[in-house]
C-alpha atoms as a PDB file:
ATOM      1  CA  MET A   1     127.181 123.216  66.001  1.00  0.00           C
ATOM      2  CA  LEU A   2     128.939 126.060  64.202  1.00  0.00           C
ATOM      3  CA  ASP A   3     131.533 128.109  66.061  1.00  0.00           C
ATOM      4  CA  LEU A   4     130.042 131.430  67.211  1.00  0.00           C
ATOM      5  CA  ALA A   5     132.628 133.439  65.274  1.00  0.00           C
ATOM      6  CA  LEU A   6     131.591 131.642  62.099  1.00  0.00           C
ATOM      7  CA  GLU A   7     127.938 132.227  62.992  1.00  0.00           C
ATOM      8  CA  GLU A   8     128.597 135.969  63.201  1.00  0.00           C
ATOM      9  CA  HIS A   9     130.396 135.983  59.852  1.00  0.00           C
ATOM     10  CA  LEU A  10     127.553 134.103  58.169  1.00  0.00           C
ATOM     11  CA  ASP A  11     125.052 136.537  59.694  1.00  0.00           C
ATOM     12  CA  GLU A  12     126.917 139.448  58.097  1.00  0.00           C
ATOM     13  CA  LEU A  13     126.812 137.754  54.692  1.00  0.00           C
ATOM     14  CA  ASP A  14     123.127 136.806  54.942  1.00  0.00           C
ATOM     15  CA  PRO A  15     121.087 138.460  57.739  1.00  0.00           C
ATOM     16  CA  LEU A  16     118.034 136.316  56.913  1.00  0.00           C
ATOM     17  CA  ARG A  17     119.799 132.969  56.995  1.00  0.00           C
ATOM     18  CA  HIS A  18     118.395 132.022  60.427  1.00  0.00           C
ATOM     19  CA  PHE A  19     114.890 132.569  59.123  1.00  0.00           C
ATOM     20  CA  ARG A  20     115.577 130.161  56.276  1.00  0.00           C
ATOM     21  CA  ASP A  21     117.445 127.666  58.451  1.00  0.00           C
ATOM     22  CA  ASP A  22     114.534 127.534  60.869  1.00  0.00           C
ATOM     23  CA  ALA A  23     111.899 127.020  58.177  1.00  0.00           C
ATOM     24  CA  SER A  24     110.373 123.632  58.853  1.00  0.00           C
ATOM     25  CA  ASP A  25     109.725 120.883  56.376  1.00  0.00           C
ATOM     26  CA  GLU A  26     106.444 119.048  56.034  1.00  0.00           C
ATOM     27  CA  ASP A  27     107.856 115.849  57.544  1.00  0.00           C
ATOM     28  CA  ASN A  28     109.133 117.509  60.726  1.00  0.00           C
ATOM     29  CA  PRO A  29     106.528 117.351  63.514  1.00  0.00           C
ATOM     30  CA  ASN A  30     108.405 119.816  65.748  1.00  0.00           C
ATOM     31  CA  THR A  31     107.822 122.873  63.621  1.00  0.00           C
ATOM     32  CA  ILE A  32     108.497 126.385  64.861  1.00  0.00           C
ATOM     33  CA  VAL A  33     108.154 128.444  61.675  1.00  0.00           C
ATOM     34  CA  PRO A  34     105.991 127.596  58.664  1.00  0.00           C
ATOM     35  CA  VAL A  35     107.607 127.004  55.300  1.00  0.00           C
ATOM     36  CA  GLN A  36     108.172 130.313  53.537  1.00  0.00           C
ATOM     37  CA  PRO A  37     110.214 131.055  50.410  1.00  0.00           C
ATOM     38  CA  PRO A  38     113.621 132.770  50.776  1.00  0.00           C
ATOM     39  CA  SER A  39     112.539 135.922  48.921  1.00  0.00           C
ATOM     40  CA  ILE A  40     109.579 137.451  50.745  1.00  0.00           C
ATOM     41  CA  ARG A  41     107.681 140.172  48.865  1.00  0.00           C
ATOM     42  CA  ASN A  42     104.008 141.078  49.222  1.00  0.00           C
ATOM     43  CA  GLN A  43     102.857 137.641  50.330  1.00  0.00           C
ATOM     44  CA  THR A  44     100.172 136.493  52.746  1.00  0.00           C
ATOM     45  CA  ILE A  45     100.588 133.434  54.915  1.00  0.00           C
ATOM     46  CA  GLU A  46      98.165 131.740  57.293  1.00  0.00           C
ATOM     47  CA  LEU A  47      99.232 130.635  60.747  1.00  0.00           C
ATOM     48  CA  ALA A  48      97.385 128.751  63.473  1.00  0.00           C
ATOM     49  CA  PHE A  49      98.115 128.732  67.188  1.00  0.00           C
ATOM     50  CA  PRO A  50      96.813 126.363  69.874  1.00  0.00           C
ATOM     51  CA  ALA A  51      93.550 127.222  71.549  1.00  0.00           C
ATOM     52  CA  PRO A  52      93.780 128.140  75.236  1.00  0.00           C
ATOM     53  CA  GLY A  53      94.556 124.994  77.191  1.00  0.00           C
ATOM     54  CA  ASP A  54      94.894 123.135  73.888  1.00  0.00           C
ATOM     55  CA  ARG A  55      91.103 122.807  73.801  1.00  0.00           C
ATOM     56  CA  GLY A  56      88.898 124.085  71.007  1.00  0.00           C
ATOM     57  CA  ALA A  57      89.582 125.609  67.621  1.00  0.00           C
ATOM     58  CA  PRO A  58      93.074 127.011  66.974  1.00  0.00           C
ATOM     59  CA  ILE A  59      93.590 130.768  66.805  1.00  0.00           C
ATOM     60  CA  ALA A  60      93.978 131.619  63.105  1.00  0.00           C
ATOM     61  CA  ILE A  61      96.073 134.553  61.901  1.00  0.00           C
ATOM     62  CA  ARG A  62      96.449 135.863  58.352  1.00  0.00           C
ATOM     63  CA  LEU A  63      99.781 137.618  58.006  1.00  0.00           C
ATOM     64  CA  ALA A  64     101.078 139.842  55.244  1.00  0.00           C
ATOM     65  CA  VAL A  65     104.857 139.442  55.005  1.00  0.00           C
ATOM     66  CA  ASP A  66     107.253 141.594  53.040  1.00  0.00           C
ATOM     67  CA  ALA A  67     111.010 141.928  53.573  1.00  0.00           C
ATOM     68  CA  SER A  68     111.288 145.118  51.528  1.00  0.00           C
ATOM     69  CA  PRO A  69     110.753 147.516  54.501  1.00  0.00           C
ATOM     70  CA  GLY A  70     113.289 145.531  56.550  1.00  0.00           C
ATOM     71  CA  CYS A  71     113.778 142.179  58.250  1.00  0.00           C
ATOM     72  CA  GLY A  72     110.940 143.009  60.663  1.00  0.00           C
ATOM     73  CA  GLY A  73     108.474 142.496  57.828  1.00  0.00           C
ATOM     74  CA  ILE A  74     108.658 138.707  57.984  1.00  0.00           C
ATOM     75  CA  ALA A  75     107.806 136.033  60.566  1.00  0.00           C
ATOM     76  CA  TRP A  76     110.668 135.097  62.879  1.00  0.00           C
ATOM     77  CA  PRO A  77     111.004 132.043  65.152  1.00  0.00           C
ATOM     78  CA  ALA A  78     110.829 133.725  68.563  1.00  0.00           C
ATOM     79  CA  GLY A  79     107.659 135.567  67.548  1.00  0.00           C
ATOM     80  CA  GLU A  80     105.987 132.270  66.756  1.00  0.00           C
ATOM     81  CA  VAL A  81     107.115 130.806  70.082  1.00  0.00           C
ATOM     82  CA  LEU A  82     105.783 133.753  72.084  1.00  0.00           C
ATOM     83  CA  ALA A  83     102.525 133.839  70.126  1.00  0.00           C
ATOM     84  CA  SER A  84     102.058 130.115  70.772  1.00  0.00           C
ATOM     85  CA  TYR A  85     102.727 130.554  74.494  1.00  0.00           C
ATOM     86  CA  ILE A  86     100.215 133.335  75.075  1.00  0.00           C
ATOM     87  CA  SER A  87      97.692 131.490  72.923  1.00  0.00           C
ATOM     88  CA  ARG A  88      97.950 128.365  75.079  1.00  0.00           C
ATOM     89  CA  ARG A  89      97.824 130.415  78.269  1.00  0.00           C
ATOM     90  CA  GLY A  90      94.462 131.871  77.372  1.00  0.00           C
ATOM     91  CA  SER A  91      92.274 134.922  77.881  1.00  0.00           C
ATOM     92  CA  LEU A  92      93.704 138.434  78.078  1.00  0.00           C
ATOM     93  CA  ASP A  93      90.292 140.071  78.501  1.00  0.00           C
ATOM     94  CA  GLY A  94      90.563 143.558  79.954  1.00  0.00           C
ATOM     95  CA  LYS A  95      94.368 143.698  79.711  1.00  0.00           C
ATOM     96  CA  ASN A  96      96.359 146.498  78.098  1.00  0.00           C
ATOM     97  CA  VAL A  97      99.063 144.788  76.043  1.00  0.00           C
ATOM     98  CA  LEU A  98     102.041 146.496  74.413  1.00  0.00           C
ATOM     99  CA  GLU A  99     104.254 144.753  71.867  1.00  0.00           C
ATOM    100  CA  LEU A 100     107.742 146.133  71.246  1.00  0.00           C
ATOM    101  CA  GLY A 101     109.497 145.659  67.914  1.00  0.00           C
ATOM    102  CA  SER A 102     106.306 144.202  66.487  1.00  0.00           C
ATOM    103  CA  GLY A 103     107.433 143.907  62.857  1.00  0.00           C
ATOM    104  CA  THR A 104     104.423 142.244  61.258  1.00  0.00           C
ATOM    105  CA  GLY A 105     102.489 142.557  64.525  1.00  0.00           C
ATOM    106  CA  LEU A 106     102.054 138.783  64.842  1.00  0.00           C
ATOM    107  CA  VAL A 107     102.305 138.437  68.628  1.00  0.00           C
ATOM    108  CA  GLY A 108     100.098 141.456  69.262  1.00  0.00           C
ATOM    109  CA  LEU A 109      97.492 140.138  66.838  1.00  0.00           C
ATOM    110  CA  VAL A 110      97.257 136.899  68.800  1.00  0.00           C
ATOM    111  CA  ALA A 111      96.887 138.960  71.990  1.00  0.00           C
ATOM    112  CA  GLY A 112      94.028 140.840  70.307  1.00  0.00           C
ATOM    113  CA  LYS A 113      92.331 137.552  69.456  1.00  0.00           C
ATOM    114  CA  LEU A 114      92.613 136.680  73.150  1.00  0.00           C
ATOM    115  CA  GLY A 115      90.574 139.732  74.124  1.00  0.00           C
ATOM    116  CA  ALA A 116      93.274 142.279  75.001  1.00  0.00           C
ATOM    117  CA  ARG A 117      93.432 145.955  74.116  1.00  0.00           C
ATOM    118  CA  VAL A 118      96.692 145.940  72.185  1.00  0.00           C
ATOM    119  CA  CYS A 119      99.171 148.520  70.959  1.00  0.00           C
ATOM    120  CA  ILE A 120     101.710 147.133  68.482  1.00  0.00           C
ATOM    121  CA  THR A 121     104.772 149.314  67.965  1.00  0.00           C
ATOM    122  CA  ASP A 122     107.810 149.585  65.747  1.00  0.00           C
ATOM    123  CA  GLN A 123     109.691 152.082  63.579  1.00  0.00           C
ATOM    124  CA  ALA A 124     107.985 154.064  60.830  1.00  0.00           C
ATOM    125  CA  PRO A 125     108.859 151.814  57.823  1.00  0.00           C
ATOM    126  CA  LEU A 126     106.938 148.902  59.366  1.00  0.00           C
ATOM    127  CA  LEU A 127     103.754 150.718  60.357  1.00  0.00           C
ATOM    128  CA  GLY A 128     102.129 150.048  56.981  1.00  0.00           C
ATOM    129  CA  ILE A 129     102.440 146.263  57.120  1.00  0.00           C
ATOM    130  CA  MET A 130     101.308 146.288  60.764  1.00  0.00           C
ATOM    131  CA  LYS A 131      98.151 148.235  59.867  1.00  0.00           C
ATOM    132  CA  GLN A 132      97.532 145.876  56.955  1.00  0.00           C
ATOM    133  CA  ASN A 133      97.725 142.870  59.272  1.00  0.00           C
ATOM    134  CA  VAL A 134      95.389 144.423  61.829  1.00  0.00           C
ATOM    135  CA  SER A 135      92.773 144.856  59.102  1.00  0.00           C
ATOM    136  CA  LEU A 136      93.408 141.413  57.591  1.00  0.00           C
ATOM    137  CA  ASN A 137      92.435 139.888  60.920  1.00  0.00           C
ATOM    138  CA  GLY A 138      89.462 142.162  61.645  1.00  0.00           C
ATOM    139  CA  LEU A 139      91.087 143.558  64.799  1.00  0.00           C
ATOM    140  CA  ASP A 140      90.805 147.304  64.114  1.00  0.00           C
ATOM    141  CA  SER A 141      88.586 147.769  67.163  1.00  0.00           C
ATOM    142  CA  CYS A 142      91.084 146.357  69.663  1.00  0.00           C
ATOM    143  CA  VAL A 143      94.573 146.608  68.121  1.00  0.00           C
ATOM    144  CA  SER A 144      96.205 149.980  67.467  1.00  0.00           C
ATOM    145  CA  VAL A 145      99.468 150.731  65.676  1.00  0.00           C
ATOM    146  CA  MET A 146     101.989 153.253  66.963  1.00  0.00           C
ATOM    147  CA  GLU A 147     105.519 154.369  66.098  1.00  0.00           C
ATOM    148  CA  LEU A 148     107.878 153.804  69.015  1.00  0.00           C
ATOM    149  CA  ASN A 149     111.608 154.314  68.589  1.00  0.00           C
ATOM    150  CA  TRP A 150     113.626 152.683  71.345  1.00  0.00           C
ATOM    151  CA  GLY A 151     115.588 155.076  73.501  1.00  0.00           C
ATOM    152  CA  GLU A 152     113.367 158.057  72.742  1.00  0.00           C
ATOM    153  CA  PRO A 153     110.791 159.544  75.159  1.00  0.00           C
ATOM    154  CA  LEU A 154     107.640 157.442  75.330  1.00  0.00           C
ATOM    155  CA  PRO A 155     104.608 158.775  73.421  1.00  0.00           C
ATOM    156  CA  GLY A 156     102.302 160.650  75.769  1.00  0.00           C
ATOM    157  CA  ASN A 157      99.242 158.738  74.568  1.00  0.00           C
ATOM    158  CA  LEU A 158     100.729 155.304  75.219  1.00  0.00           C
ATOM    159  CA  PRO A 159      98.464 153.396  77.648  1.00  0.00           C
ATOM    160  CA  LYS A 160     100.119 151.927  80.745  1.00  0.00           C
ATOM    161  CA  PRO A 161     100.625 148.273  79.824  1.00  0.00           C
ATOM    162  CA  ASP A 162      99.586 145.341  81.975  1.00  0.00           C
ATOM    163  CA  VAL A 163     101.626 143.036  79.733  1.00  0.00           C
ATOM    164  CA  ILE A 164     104.637 143.798  77.526  1.00  0.00           C
ATOM    165  CA  LEU A 165     105.528 141.365  74.745  1.00  0.00           C
ATOM    166  CA  ALA A 166     108.873 141.395  72.944  1.00  0.00           C
ATOM    167  CA  ALA A 167     110.119 138.781  70.481  1.00  0.00           C
ATOM    168  CA  ASP A 168     113.274 138.700  68.356  1.00  0.00           C
ATOM    169  CA  CYS A 169     114.329 142.161  69.507  1.00  0.00           C
ATOM    170  CA  VAL A 170     117.945 141.139  70.238  1.00  0.00           C
ATOM    171  CA  TYR A 171     119.668 141.329  66.860  1.00  0.00           C
ATOM    172  CA  PHE A 172     121.166 144.813  66.223  1.00  0.00           C
ATOM    173  CA  GLU A 173     123.915 145.586  68.727  1.00  0.00           C
ATOM    174  CA  PRO A 174     123.761 149.424  68.579  1.00  0.00           C
ATOM    175  CA  ALA A 175     120.098 149.191  69.627  1.00  0.00           C
ATOM    176  CA  PHE A 176     120.793 147.164  72.787  1.00  0.00           C
ATOM    177  CA  PRO A 177     121.055 150.120  75.212  1.00  0.00           C
ATOM    178  CA  LEU A 178     118.073 151.787  73.526  1.00  0.00           C
ATOM    179  CA  LEU A 179     115.866 148.743  74.040  1.00  0.00           C
ATOM    180  CA  VAL A 180     116.926 148.465  77.691  1.00  0.00           C
ATOM    181  CA  LYS A 181     116.132 152.150  78.233  1.00  0.00           C
ATOM    182  CA  THR A 182     112.668 151.775  76.721  1.00  0.00           C
ATOM    183  CA  LEU A 183     111.942 148.693  78.815  1.00  0.00           C
ATOM    184  CA  ALA A 184     113.083 150.534  81.952  1.00  0.00           C
ATOM    185  CA  ASP A 185     110.942 153.562  81.061  1.00  0.00           C
ATOM    186  CA  LEU A 186     107.883 151.357  80.545  1.00  0.00           C
ATOM    187  CA  VAL A 187     108.245 149.117  83.582  1.00  0.00           C
ATOM    188  CA  LYS A 188     108.348 150.923  86.904  1.00  0.00           C
ATOM    189  CA  ASP A 189     107.346 147.962  89.067  1.00  0.00           C
ATOM    190  CA  ASN A 190     106.377 144.333  88.741  1.00  0.00           C
ATOM    191  CA  SER A 191     102.697 145.044  88.273  1.00  0.00           C
ATOM    192  CA  THR A 192     103.595 144.876  84.552  1.00  0.00           C
ATOM    193  CA  GLU A 193     104.320 141.403  83.196  1.00  0.00           C
ATOM    194  CA  VAL A 194     107.150 141.307  80.643  1.00  0.00           C
ATOM    195  CA  LEU A 195     107.490 138.295  78.339  1.00  0.00           C
ATOM    196  CA  PHE A 196     110.710 138.367  76.340  1.00  0.00           C
ATOM    197  CA  CYS A 197     111.543 135.764  73.704  1.00  0.00           C
ATOM    198  CA  TYR A 198     114.772 135.638  71.720  1.00  0.00           C
ATOM    199  CA  LYS A 199     116.953 133.348  69.644  1.00  0.00           C
ATOM    200  CA  LYS A 200     120.622 133.208  70.554  1.00  0.00           C
ATOM    201  CA  ARG A 201     122.653 133.929  67.445  1.00  0.00           C
ATOM    202  CA  ARG A 202     125.941 135.569  68.386  1.00  0.00           C
ATOM    203  CA  LYS A 203     128.323 136.383  71.213  1.00  0.00           C
ATOM    204  CA  ALA A 204     127.101 139.990  71.205  1.00  0.00           C
ATOM    205  CA  ASP A 205     123.842 138.786  72.808  1.00  0.00           C
ATOM    206  CA  LYS A 206     125.772 138.603  76.103  1.00  0.00           C
ATOM    207  CA  ARG A 207     126.305 142.353  75.948  1.00  0.00           C
ATOM    208  CA  PHE A 208     122.551 142.906  75.790  1.00  0.00           C
ATOM    209  CA  PHE A 209     121.966 140.830  78.906  1.00  0.00           C
ATOM    210  CA  ASN A 210     124.830 142.567  80.712  1.00  0.00           C
ATOM    211  CA  LEU A 211     123.005 145.846  80.043  1.00  0.00           C
ATOM    212  CA  LEU A 212     119.611 144.381  80.909  1.00  0.00           C
ATOM    213  CA  LYS A 213     120.711 143.093  84.325  1.00  0.00           C
ATOM    214  CA  LYS A 214     121.268 146.661  85.518  1.00  0.00           C
ATOM    215  CA  GLU A 215     117.494 147.186  85.366  1.00  0.00           C
ATOM    216  CA  PHE A 216     115.922 143.703  85.405  1.00  0.00           C
ATOM    217  CA  THR A 217     116.280 140.161  86.595  1.00  0.00           C
ATOM    218  CA  TRP A 218     114.719 137.292  84.638  1.00  0.00           C
ATOM    219  CA  GLN A 219     113.630 133.682  84.751  1.00  0.00           C
ATOM    220  CA  GLU A 220     112.928 131.120  82.055  1.00  0.00           C
ATOM    221  CA  VAL A 221     109.206 130.574  81.558  1.00  0.00           C
ATOM    222  CA  SER A 222     108.744 127.073  82.923  1.00  0.00           C
ATOM    223  CA  ASP A 223     105.076 126.332  82.183  1.00  0.00           C
ATOM    224  CA  ASP A 224     105.325 126.072  78.382  1.00  0.00           C
ATOM    225  CA  PRO A 225     104.892 122.479  77.144  1.00  0.00           C
ATOM    226  CA  GLN A 226     106.807 123.362  73.968  1.00  0.00           C
ATOM    227  CA  ARG A 227     109.878 124.578  75.844  1.00  0.00           C
ATOM    228  CA  GLU A 228     111.932 121.466  75.127  1.00  0.00           C
ATOM    229  CA  VAL A 229     111.216 121.785  71.407  1.00  0.00           C
ATOM    230  CA  TYR A 230     112.245 125.391  70.906  1.00  0.00           C
ATOM    231  CA  SER A 231     115.165 125.281  73.346  1.00  0.00           C
ATOM    232  CA  LYS A 232     116.842 122.931  70.860  1.00  0.00           C
ATOM    233  CA  GLU A 233     116.691 125.834  68.397  1.00  0.00           C
ATOM    234  CA  ALA A 234     118.499 128.119  70.900  1.00  0.00           C
ATOM    235  CA  ILE A 235     115.269 130.021  71.618  1.00  0.00           C
ATOM    236  CA  SER A 236     114.549 131.194  75.159  1.00  0.00           C
ATOM    237  CA  LEU A 237     111.308 132.557  76.587  1.00  0.00           C
ATOM    238  CA  LEU A 238     111.935 134.736  79.641  1.00  0.00           C
ATOM    239  CA  ARG A 239     109.877 136.626  82.182  1.00  0.00           C
ATOM    240  CA  LEU A 240     111.564 139.888  83.220  1.00  0.00           C
ATOM    241  CA  PHE A 241     111.317 141.436  86.698  1.00  0.00           C
ATOM    242  CA  ARG A 242     112.151 145.042  87.539  1.00  0.00           C
ATOM    243  CA  ARG A 243     114.941 145.590  90.041  1.00  0.00           C
END
């Protein structure tokens, strides 16, 4: 395993290297991310997630990916893990679901397929690809797209979420306190479930969790049958609890 200092240096040279390192090959049964080429521009991929309880037809998602508006425009490992978890867990009928740092909107799209009323959010440059993916999957009636900049006041028309989903949001150190502030603003008590999935990449991740523990406690999600697979890739799926 590479030394963390070397990991950080390699990240600076190539911010997308983890995406490429995690791309699975056809002979590997423990796949987390589908094979995608290193240069991602205006492509559409097809993903499938397990049916609730692993029974029935998989949940199919068509996903436009494009790195040109930023690294959020592609599929990342923790997003796939979280999407797979909520897919296995089953129905979200009647739930208001909010996804933070949605990027392509993948996790929120799966939540929409599970019957939730979903709001996927990110910064302005990514709203276009998110809207495209909502339409690609025929989810315009239940999935909305909204700009939400971490650290800023919450939009007045943002529905109170029953479930908050966040995947691969721990990557840009200056945004750590902003993300914690937004989470704290959104979650006033533990009537809101928060599922938080991330891939450990650098020592700076510890700073995020030092900030987070002022507002939240957390536990590893223990009921995911794929946990042993993705934990080998330094991916953790957490449930956050408000202090």
